[in-house]
C-alpha atoms as a PDB file:
ATOM      1  CA  MET A   1     -36.951  15.281   9.811  1.00  0.00           C
ATOM      2  CA  SER A   2     -34.242  15.099  12.528  1.00  0.00           C
ATOM      3  CA  LEU A   3     -30.639  15.102  11.648  1.00  0.00           C
ATOM      4  CA  ARG A   4     -30.162  11.693  13.279  1.00  0.00           C
ATOM      5  CA  PHE A   5     -33.095  10.195  11.204  1.00  0.00           C
ATOM      6  CA  SER A   6     -31.773  11.791   8.042  1.00  0.00           C
ATOM      7  CA  PHE A   7     -28.234  10.389   8.554  1.00  0.00           C
ATOM      8  CA  ARG A   8     -29.562   6.909   9.377  1.00  0.00           C
ATOM      9  CA  TYR A   9     -31.685   7.040   6.173  1.00  0.00           C
ATOM     10  CA  VAL A  10     -28.706   8.021   4.049  1.00  0.00           C
ATOM     11  CA  LEU A  11     -26.562   5.189   5.609  1.00  0.00           C
ATOM     12  CA  ARG A  12     -29.223   2.589   5.130  1.00  0.00           C
ATOM     13  CA  ALA A  13     -29.746   3.716   1.501  1.00  0.00           C
ATOM     14  CA  PHE A  14     -25.940   3.480   0.928  1.00  0.00           C
ATOM     15  CA  THR A  15     -25.835   0.051   2.445  1.00  0.00           C
ATOM     16  CA  VAL A  16     -28.673  -1.190   0.117  1.00  0.00           C
ATOM     17  CA  PHE A  17     -26.780   0.246  -2.808  1.00  0.00           C
ATOM     18  CA  VAL A  18     -23.520  -1.507  -1.964  1.00  0.00           C
ATOM     19  CA  LEU A  19     -25.456  -4.722  -1.433  1.00  0.00           C
ATOM     20  CA  TRP A  20     -27.113  -4.371  -4.756  1.00  0.00           C
ATOM     21  CA  ASN A  21     -23.860  -3.439  -6.493  1.00  0.00           C
ATOM     22  CA  ALA A  22     -22.220  -6.608  -4.975  1.00  0.00           C
ATOM     23  CA  SER A  23     -24.866  -8.837  -6.234  1.00  0.00           C
ATOM     24  CA  THR A  24     -24.770  -7.445  -9.799  1.00  0.00           C
ATOM     25  CA  SER A  25     -20.967  -7.103 -10.111  1.00  0.00           C
ATOM     26  CA  PRO A  26     -18.112  -9.557  -9.943  1.00  0.00           C
ATOM     27  CA  ALA A  27     -18.057 -10.902  -6.246  1.00  0.00           C
ATOM     28  CA  PRO A  28     -16.364  -8.280  -4.037  1.00  0.00           C
ATOM     29  CA  CYS A  29     -15.500 -10.853  -1.363  1.00  0.00           C
ATOM     30  CA  GLN A  30     -14.341 -13.899  -3.484  1.00  0.00           C
ATOM     31  CA  SER A  31     -12.582 -15.797  -0.701  1.00  0.00           C
ATOM     32  CA  ALA A  32     -10.705 -18.947  -1.536  1.00  0.00           C
ATOM     33  CA  SER A  33     -11.968 -22.328  -0.141  1.00  0.00           C
ATOM     34  CA  HIS A  34      -8.395 -23.493   0.462  1.00  0.00           C
ATOM     35  CA  ILE A  35      -5.103 -22.453   1.907  1.00  0.00           C
ATOM     36  CA  VAL A  36      -3.459 -19.735  -0.216  1.00  0.00           C
ATOM     37  CA  ILE A  37      -0.022 -18.172  -0.621  1.00  0.00           C
ATOM     38  CA  SER A  38      -0.639 -14.793   0.785  1.00  0.00           C
ATOM     39  CA  GLU A  39       2.751 -13.060   0.394  1.00  0.00           C
ATOM     40  CA  ILE A  40       6.035 -13.689  -1.257  1.00  0.00           C
ATOM     41  CA  TYR A  41       9.281 -11.777  -0.380  1.00  0.00           C
ATOM     42  CA  GLY A  42      12.464 -12.629  -2.208  1.00  0.00           C
ATOM     43  CA  GLY A  43      14.478  -9.560  -1.236  1.00  0.00           C
ATOM     44  CA  GLY A  44      15.645 -10.669   2.125  1.00  0.00           C
ATOM     45  CA  GLY A  45      19.209  -9.644   3.011  1.00  0.00           C
ATOM     46  CA  ASN A  46      19.560  -7.875  -0.341  1.00  0.00           C
ATOM     47  CA  SER A  47      20.721  -4.314  -0.818  1.00  0.00           C
ATOM     48  CA  GLY A  48      18.467  -1.951   0.896  1.00  0.00           C
ATOM     49  CA  ALA A  49      16.383  -4.676   2.541  1.00  0.00           C
ATOM     50  CA  LEU A  50      15.109  -4.483   6.126  1.00  0.00           C
ATOM     51  CA  TYR A  51      14.537  -8.210   6.633  1.00  0.00           C
ATOM     52  CA  THR A  52      17.350 -10.661   6.669  1.00  0.00           C
ATOM     53  CA  HIS A  53      15.544 -13.616   5.100  1.00  0.00           C
ATOM     54  CA  ASP A  54      13.321 -14.406   2.066  1.00  0.00           C
ATOM     55  CA  TYR A  55       9.864 -15.836   3.018  1.00  0.00           C
ATOM     56  CA  ILE A  56       6.579 -17.361   1.837  1.00  0.00           C
ATOM     57  CA  GLU A  57       3.467 -16.680   3.920  1.00  0.00           C
ATOM     58  CA  LEU A  58       0.394 -18.751   3.818  1.00  0.00           C
ATOM     59  CA  TYR A  59      -3.189 -17.786   4.821  1.00  0.00           C
ATOM     60  CA  ASN A  60      -6.228 -19.895   5.680  1.00  0.00           C
ATOM     61  CA  PRO A  61      -9.448 -18.122   4.601  1.00  0.00           C
ATOM     62  CA  THR A  62     -11.591 -21.120   5.610  1.00  0.00           C
ATOM     63  CA  ALA A  63     -13.659 -21.633   8.785  1.00  0.00           C
ATOM     64  CA  SER A  64     -11.652 -24.632   9.835  1.00  0.00           C
ATOM     65  CA  ASP A  65      -8.067 -25.338  10.890  1.00  0.00           C
ATOM     66  CA  VAL A  66      -6.069 -27.284   8.214  1.00  0.00           C
ATOM     67  CA  VAL A  67      -3.519 -29.937   8.974  1.00  0.00           C
ATOM     68  CA  MET A  68      -0.718 -29.803   6.451  1.00  0.00           C
ATOM     69  CA  ASN A  69       1.139 -33.102   6.889  1.00  0.00           C
ATOM     70  CA  GLY A  70       3.659 -34.041   4.161  1.00  0.00           C
ATOM     71  CA  TRP A  71       2.990 -30.879   2.192  1.00  0.00           C
ATOM     72  CA  SER A  72       5.686 -29.047   0.223  1.00  0.00           C
ATOM     73  CA  VAL A  73       6.595 -25.557  -0.863  1.00  0.00           C
ATOM     74  CA  GLN A  74       8.274 -25.502  -4.176  1.00  0.00           C
ATOM     75  CA  TYR A  75      10.257 -22.754  -5.998  1.00  0.00           C
ATOM     76  CA  GLN A  76      11.653 -22.196  -9.499  1.00  0.00           C
ATOM     77  CA  ALA A  77      13.353 -19.061 -11.144  1.00  0.00           C
ATOM     78  CA  GLY A  78      11.071 -17.006 -13.229  1.00  0.00           C
ATOM     79  CA  GLY A  79      12.439 -18.262 -16.545  1.00  0.00           C
ATOM     80  CA  GLY A  80      13.121 -21.853 -15.403  1.00  0.00           C
ATOM     81  CA  THR A  81      11.571 -24.798 -17.246  1.00  0.00           C
ATOM     82  CA  GLY A  82      10.865 -28.424 -16.492  1.00  0.00           C
ATOM     83  CA  LEU A  83      10.164 -29.858 -13.057  1.00  0.00           C
ATOM     84  CA  PHE A  84      10.858 -27.615 -10.041  1.00  0.00           C
ATOM     85  CA  THR A  85      14.008 -28.657  -8.243  1.00  0.00           C
ATOM     86  CA  SER A  86      13.552 -26.751  -5.083  1.00  0.00           C
ATOM     87  CA  VAL A  87      11.079 -28.780  -3.163  1.00  0.00           C
ATOM     88  CA  VAL A  88      10.903 -28.674   0.597  1.00  0.00           C
ATOM     89  CA  LYS A  89       8.586 -30.795   2.722  1.00  0.00           C
ATOM     90  CA  PHE A  90       6.938 -29.391   5.747  1.00  0.00           C
ATOM     91  CA  SER A  91       4.137 -30.152   8.186  1.00  0.00           C
ATOM     92  CA  GLY A  92       1.985 -28.034  10.525  1.00  0.00           C
ATOM     93  CA  VAL A  93      -1.368 -26.792  11.359  1.00  0.00           C
ATOM     94  CA  ILE A  94      -2.723 -23.509   9.978  1.00  0.00           C
ATOM     95  CA  GLN A  95      -5.550 -22.231  12.050  1.00  0.00           C
ATOM     96  CA  SER A  96      -8.837 -20.832  10.638  1.00  0.00           C
ATOM     97  CA  HIS A  97      -8.195 -17.263   9.321  1.00  0.00           C
ATOM     98  CA  GLY A  98      -4.627 -17.607  10.518  1.00  0.00           C
ATOM     99  CA  PHE A  99      -1.191 -17.350   8.976  1.00  0.00           C
ATOM    100  CA  PHE A 100       1.803 -19.686   8.576  1.00  0.00           C
ATOM    101  CA  LEU A 101       5.282 -18.334   7.920  1.00  0.00           C
ATOM    102  CA  ILE A 102       7.870 -20.356   5.843  1.00  0.00           C
ATOM    103  CA  GLN A 103      11.292 -18.829   6.157  1.00  0.00           C
ATOM    104  CA  ALA A 104      13.727 -19.149   3.191  1.00  0.00           C
ATOM    105  CA  ASN A 105      17.417 -18.489   2.993  1.00  0.00           C
ATOM    106  CA  PRO A 106      19.026 -15.249   4.249  1.00  0.00           C
ATOM    107  CA  GLY A 107      21.057 -12.759   2.177  1.00  0.00           C
ATOM    108  CA  SER A 108      24.210 -10.863   3.373  1.00  0.00           C
ATOM    109  CA  GLY A 109      22.268  -7.766   4.402  1.00  0.00           C
ATOM    110  CA  GLY A 110      19.186  -6.715   6.241  1.00  0.00           C
ATOM    111  CA  THR A 111      18.948  -5.967   9.897  1.00  0.00           C
ATOM    112  CA  VAL A 112      15.680  -7.322  11.072  1.00  0.00           C
ATOM    113  CA  PRO A 113      14.993 -11.144  11.587  1.00  0.00           C
ATOM    114  CA  LEU A 114      11.624 -12.558  10.614  1.00  0.00           C
ATOM    115  CA  PRO A 115       9.165 -13.398  13.238  1.00  0.00           C
ATOM    116  CA  SER A 116       9.647 -16.991  14.426  1.00  0.00           C
ATOM    117  CA  PRO A 117       8.939 -19.049  11.431  1.00  0.00           C
ATOM    118  CA  ASP A 118       6.600 -22.018  11.393  1.00  0.00           C
ATOM    119  CA  ALA A 119       8.701 -23.957   8.767  1.00  0.00           C
ATOM    120  CA  ILE A 120      12.070 -23.612   7.117  1.00  0.00           C
ATOM    121  CA  ALA A 121      12.761 -23.799   3.349  1.00  0.00           C
ATOM    122  CA  GLY A 122      16.410 -24.177   2.468  1.00  0.00           C
ATOM    123  CA  PHE A 123      16.311 -22.205  -0.772  1.00  0.00           C
ATOM    124  CA  SER A 124      16.711 -18.636  -1.929  1.00  0.00           C
ATOM    125  CA  MET A 125      14.294 -16.733  -4.090  1.00  0.00           C
ATOM    126  CA  ALA A 126      14.813 -13.987  -6.651  1.00  0.00           C
ATOM    127  CA  ALA A 127      13.411 -10.610  -5.512  1.00  0.00           C
ATOM    128  CA  ALA A 128      11.914  -9.583  -8.736  1.00  0.00           C
ATOM    129  CA  SER A 129      10.793 -12.774 -10.635  1.00  0.00           C
ATOM    130  CA  GLY A 130       9.965 -16.308  -9.628  1.00  0.00           C
ATOM    131  CA  LYS A 131       7.468 -19.079  -9.243  1.00  0.00           C
ATOM    132  CA  VAL A 132       6.203 -20.476  -5.958  1.00  0.00           C
ATOM    133  CA  ALA A 133       3.864 -23.528  -5.596  1.00  0.00           C
ATOM    134  CA  LEU A 134       2.141 -24.807  -2.460  1.00  0.00           C
ATOM    135  CA  CYS A 135       1.471 -28.549  -2.829  1.00  0.00           C
ATOM    136  CA  SER A 136      -0.324 -31.170  -0.701  1.00  0.00           C
ATOM    137  CA  ASP A 137       2.436 -33.743  -1.425  1.00  0.00           C
ATOM    138  CA  THR A 138       6.198 -33.619  -2.160  1.00  0.00           C
ATOM    139  CA  ILE A 139       6.145 -34.531  -5.831  1.00  0.00           C
ATOM    140  CA  ALA A 140       7.948 -32.054  -7.982  1.00  0.00           C
ATOM    141  CA  ILE A 141       5.567 -30.142 -10.289  1.00  0.00           C
ATOM    142  CA  GLY A 142       6.082 -28.574 -13.758  1.00  0.00           C
ATOM    143  CA  SER A 143       2.956 -26.466 -14.070  1.00  0.00           C
ATOM    144  CA  PRO A 144       0.090 -24.899 -12.030  1.00  0.00           C
ATOM    145  CA  ALA A 145      -2.328 -27.521 -13.297  1.00  0.00           C
ATOM    146  CA  ASP A 146      -0.306 -30.508 -11.849  1.00  0.00           C
ATOM    147  CA  THR A 147      -1.917 -32.874  -9.445  1.00  0.00           C
ATOM    148  CA  GLY A 148      -1.225 -31.786  -5.851  1.00  0.00           C
ATOM    149  CA  VAL A 149      -1.033 -28.017  -6.487  1.00  0.00           C
ATOM    150  CA  VAL A 150      -3.026 -26.219  -3.797  1.00  0.00           C
ATOM    151  CA  ASP A 151      -1.948 -22.750  -4.931  1.00  0.00           C
ATOM    152  CA  PHE A 152       0.497 -21.329  -7.371  1.00  0.00           C
ATOM    153  CA  VAL A 153       1.924 -17.824  -7.823  1.00  0.00           C
ATOM    154  CA  GLY A 154       4.204 -16.536 -10.625  1.00  0.00           C
ATOM    155  CA  TYR A 155       5.548 -13.101 -10.165  1.00  0.00           C
ATOM    156  CA  GLY A 156       7.550 -10.483 -12.125  1.00  0.00           C
ATOM    157  CA  SER A 157       8.479 -11.987 -15.469  1.00  0.00           C
ATOM    158  CA  ALA A 158       7.604 -15.469 -14.482  1.00  0.00           C
ATOM    159  CA  ASN A 159       6.855 -17.795 -17.481  1.00  0.00           C
ATOM    160  CA  LEU A 160       4.184 -19.740 -15.528  1.00  0.00           C
ATOM    161  CA  PHE A 161       1.276 -18.301 -13.555  1.00  0.00           C
ATOM    162  CA  GLU A 162      -2.344 -18.538 -12.701  1.00  0.00           C
ATOM    163  CA  GLY A 163      -4.671 -16.710 -15.166  1.00  0.00           C
ATOM    164  CA  SER A 164      -3.375 -14.381 -17.939  1.00  0.00           C
ATOM    165  CA  GLY A 165      -0.156 -13.090 -16.426  1.00  0.00           C
ATOM    166  CA  PRO A 166       2.124 -13.094 -13.372  1.00  0.00           C
ATOM    167  CA  ALA A 167       1.799 -10.927 -10.357  1.00  0.00           C
ATOM    168  CA  ILE A 168       3.375  -7.559 -10.300  1.00  0.00           C
ATOM    169  CA  ALA A 169       7.195  -7.499  -9.818  1.00  0.00           C
ATOM    170  CA  PRO A 170       8.404  -6.917  -6.232  1.00  0.00           C
ATOM    171  CA  GLY A 171      11.941  -5.926  -5.314  1.00  0.00           C
ATOM    172  CA  ASN A 172      14.500  -5.790  -2.621  1.00  0.00           C
ATOM    173  CA  THR A 173      12.391  -3.682  -0.342  1.00  0.00           C
ATOM    174  CA  THR A 174       8.823  -4.707  -1.428  1.00  0.00           C
ATOM    175  CA  SER A 175       6.895  -8.056  -1.606  1.00  0.00           C
ATOM    176  CA  VAL A 176       3.712  -9.234  -3.400  1.00  0.00           C
ATOM    177  CA  GLU A 177       0.747  -9.703  -1.258  1.00  0.00           C
ATOM    178  CA  ARG A 178      -2.609 -11.340  -1.960  1.00  0.00           C
ATOM    179  CA  LYS A 179      -5.633  -8.917  -1.899  1.00  0.00           C
ATOM    180  CA  ALA A 180      -8.433  -8.972   0.528  1.00  0.00           C
ATOM    181  CA  SER A 181     -11.031  -7.958  -2.033  1.00  0.00           C
ATOM    182  CA  ALA A 182     -11.141  -7.039  -5.717  1.00  0.00           C
ATOM    183  CA  GLY A 183     -10.610  -3.377  -4.894  1.00  0.00           C
ATOM    184  CA  SER A 184      -7.653  -3.914  -2.568  1.00  0.00           C
ATOM    185  CA  ASP A 185      -4.675  -1.670  -3.055  1.00  0.00           C
ATOM    186  CA  ALA A 186      -1.455  -0.808  -1.051  1.00  0.00           C
ATOM    187  CA  ALA A 187      -3.262   1.989   0.817  1.00  0.00           C
ATOM    188  CA  SER A 188      -6.315  -0.107   1.879  1.00  0.00           C
ATOM    189  CA  MET A 189      -4.156  -2.995   3.132  1.00  0.00           C
ATOM    190  CA  SER A 190      -1.487  -0.933   4.939  1.00  0.00           C
ATOM    191  CA  PRO A 191      -1.635  -0.003   8.491  1.00  0.00           C
ATOM    192  CA  GLY A 192      -4.589   2.324   9.014  1.00  0.00           C
ATOM    193  CA  GLY A 193      -6.294   1.188   5.741  1.00  0.00           C
ATOM    194  CA  ALA A 194      -9.742  -0.123   5.483  1.00  0.00           C
ATOM    195  CA  GLU A 195      -8.537  -3.764   4.923  1.00  0.00           C
ATOM    196  CA  GLU A 196      -5.602  -3.839   7.361  1.00  0.00           C
ATOM    197  CA  HIS A 197      -7.147  -6.772   9.233  1.00  0.00           C
ATOM    198  CA  SER A 198      -9.223  -8.369   6.451  1.00  0.00           C
ATOM    199  CA  GLY A 199      -7.038 -11.311   5.691  1.00  0.00           C
ATOM    200  CA  ASN A 200      -5.646 -12.280   2.181  1.00  0.00           C
ATOM    201  CA  GLY A 201      -8.359 -14.423   0.835  1.00  0.00           C
ATOM    202  CA  TRP A 202      -9.128 -12.989  -2.516  1.00  0.00           C
ATOM    203  CA  ASP A 203      -8.538 -15.582  -5.250  1.00  0.00           C
ATOM    204  CA  SER A 204      -9.850 -15.294  -8.791  1.00  0.00           C
ATOM    205  CA  ASP A 205      -7.163 -17.611 -10.025  1.00  0.00           C
ATOM    206  CA  ALA A 206      -5.447 -14.739 -11.761  1.00  0.00           C
ATOM    207  CA  ASN A 207      -2.131 -13.785 -10.348  1.00  0.00           C
ATOM    208  CA  ARG A 208      -1.916 -10.588 -12.277  1.00  0.00           C
ATOM    209  CA  ASP A 209      -5.205  -9.359 -10.637  1.00  0.00           C
ATOM    210  CA  ASP A 210      -4.925 -11.028  -7.135  1.00  0.00           C
ATOM    211  CA  PHE A 211      -1.744  -9.449  -5.915  1.00  0.00           C
ATOM    212  CA  ILE A 212      -0.481  -6.092  -5.016  1.00  0.00           C
ATOM    213  CA  ARG A 213       3.103  -4.718  -4.397  1.00  0.00           C
ATOM    214  CA  ARG A 214       3.758  -3.316  -0.787  1.00  0.00           C
ATOM    215  CA  ASP A 215       6.171  -3.130   2.007  1.00  0.00           C
ATOM    216  CA  PRO A 216       6.842  -6.596   3.476  1.00  0.00           C
ATOM    217  CA  GLY A 217       4.826  -7.617   6.528  1.00  0.00           C
ATOM    218  CA  PRO A 218       5.536 -11.227   7.531  1.00  0.00           C
ATOM    219  CA  GLN A 219       2.907 -12.925   9.731  1.00  0.00           C
ATOM    220  CA  ASN A 220       3.113 -16.312  11.517  1.00  0.00           C
ATOM    221  CA  ASP A 221       1.032 -18.663  13.503  1.00  0.00           C
ATOM    222  CA  ALA A 222       1.244 -16.468  16.541  1.00  0.00           C
ATOM    223  CA  SER A 223      -0.092 -13.381  14.627  1.00  0.00           C
ATOM    224  CA  ALA A 224      -3.686 -12.362  15.119  1.00  0.00           C
ATOM    225  CA  THR A 225      -6.201 -14.222  12.924  1.00  0.00           C
ATOM    226  CA  GLU A 226      -8.015 -12.101  10.312  1.00  0.00           C
ATOM    227  CA  ALA A 227     -11.334 -13.069   8.897  1.00  0.00           C
ATOM    228  CA  PRO A 228     -11.844 -12.565   5.191  1.00  0.00           C
ATOM    229  CA  GLY A 229     -13.376  -9.104   4.422  1.00  0.00           C
ATOM    230  CA  GLY A 230     -17.151  -9.082   4.597  1.00  0.00           C
ATOM    231  CA  ILE A 231     -19.803  -6.643   3.278  1.00  0.00           C
ATOM    232  CA  LEU A 232     -18.884  -3.995   5.854  1.00  0.00           C
ATOM    233  CA  ASN A 233     -15.194  -4.199   4.645  1.00  0.00           C
ATOM    234  CA  VAL A 234     -16.372  -3.684   1.055  1.00  0.00           C
ATOM    235  CA  MET A 235     -18.377  -0.669   2.064  1.00  0.00           C
ATOM    236  CA  ALA A 236     -15.260   0.758   3.779  1.00  0.00           C
ATOM    237  CA  VAL A 237     -13.277   0.313   0.497  1.00  0.00           C
ATOM    238  CA  TYR A 238     -16.066   2.062  -1.448  1.00  0.00           C
ATOM    239  CA  ARG A 239     -15.966   4.950   1.047  1.00  0.00           C
ATOM    240  CA  GLU A 240     -12.121   5.303   0.544  1.00  0.00           C
ATOM    241  CA  LYS A 241     -12.378   5.174  -3.196  1.00  0.00           C
ATOM    242  CA  TRP A 242     -15.366   7.543  -3.461  1.00  0.00           C
ATOM    243  CA  ASN A 243     -14.080   9.951  -0.638  1.00  0.00           C
ATOM    244  CA  LEU A 244     -17.321   9.430   1.284  1.00  0.00           C
ATOM    245  CA  VAL A 245     -15.552  10.560   4.503  1.00  0.00           C
ATOM    246  CA  SER A 246     -18.830  11.640   6.137  1.00  0.00           C
ATOM    247  CA  LEU A 247     -20.275   7.988   6.140  1.00  0.00           C
ATOM    248  CA  PRO A 248     -18.698   5.787   8.842  1.00  0.00           C
ATOM    249  CA  VAL A 249     -19.534   2.496   6.995  1.00  0.00           C
ATOM    250  CA  ALA A 250     -16.651   0.450   8.282  1.00  0.00           C
ATOM    251  CA  VAL A 251     -18.620  -0.444  11.364  1.00  0.00           C
ATOM    252  CA  GLU A 252     -17.417  -3.229  13.603  1.00  0.00           C
ATOM    253  CA  ASP A 253     -20.784  -3.900  15.151  1.00  0.00           C
ATOM    254  CA  PRO A 254     -23.793  -3.377  12.903  1.00  0.00           C
ATOM    255  CA  ALA A 255     -26.259  -3.761  15.678  1.00  0.00           C
ATOM    256  CA  ALA A 256     -24.616  -0.930  17.617  1.00  0.00           C
ATOM    257  CA  ALA A 257     -24.864   1.188  14.530  1.00  0.00           C
ATOM    258  CA  ASN A 258     -28.602   0.524  14.178  1.00  0.00           C
ATOM    259  CA  LEU A 259     -28.126  -0.743  10.618  1.00  0.00           C
END
């Protein structure tokens, strides 16, 4: 048996195993079917911050552009109660697998402005705890289950959230970012990681499980589109987690790899 044949056999066997594991485990690529809040950063302009402004980033994991006419982004402090009072209307188009950047208020520090925002929200957000809602109308909400809510994220010690608990607390120099897959972590989604360009489409309706804490990385409508991670992306995550450095499973072109 040649070395080439042996290697291809092992690679194909590993592919079959990952496919089987994906079919018998919780979905490894559970992409949302709607626009999602992909990143929240409330430390803009705070002590130690790089960026001057807070921001909310949206991501479109679907195969179609989405027109967001008369939508709103809403914010409430982590411990706030009642209807949200920070409600900002915006309109725009978010392209398929693209991003949309909503710039919030600045702080007194920071040195780097955000990329050109696609919308402006005239409110400030707390760095470590808060609640953000994306809505298809401008009616103030009071809970994640209210009519019009497209996506909802509670972070830090927020008293409202999707699922069993809020997303991990960020800070002045960190944001919370939506995962690309169930196994995403800061390493896999950072520059050079297996999921650097795999979007932010993972949505199990559980803020605690769907977000990671990492360095802020704002993206806007001009940023490159990122298709939600597919099976080859999942294989790359397995490779990293299992230290299978000899198997080049994060292949861009399966045909070229003779898979």
